[in-house]
Amino acid sequence: MEIIREKITLARLQELAQERFGDMVKAVVDVERNLMAVGGELHSDEEALLLEAGSRQRDLWGINFYPEVKGEDWLEFDSMINLRPSQGNRSRGVDDPELRRRIASVVERLVAR
């Protein structure tokens, strides 16, 4: 697992996908600190790494990358860590469109596609 603060290449995401799941990379985005963790087996592993590095749990959201997929479908908002009724998120997705936009903005800044 690694914390991404600067651009990561699509080629590196493809390598991470091959190492774990074949076609997918799990990631957790910190929408306040504009960084993310990638390469874990579980989103909760990446979440723990970011918490240890000073992130706040309420700012962390799980996503999946499909590096081989073109267009918007390469990014999936689906993780057990996203289930947060106390924050108004009652699904594994990200229910708030503005929050999805913020997550996508961090991804666009950090992933060179």
Foldseek 3Di string as FASTA:
>chain_A
DDKFPAADELVVQCVLCVVAPNFKKKKKAQLVSLIIDINDNARVVRLVVVVVVPGDLVRIFIWMARSVDDDPVRIGRAHPSQCDVVVPRHHRGPPDPVSVVSRVVSVVRHYDD
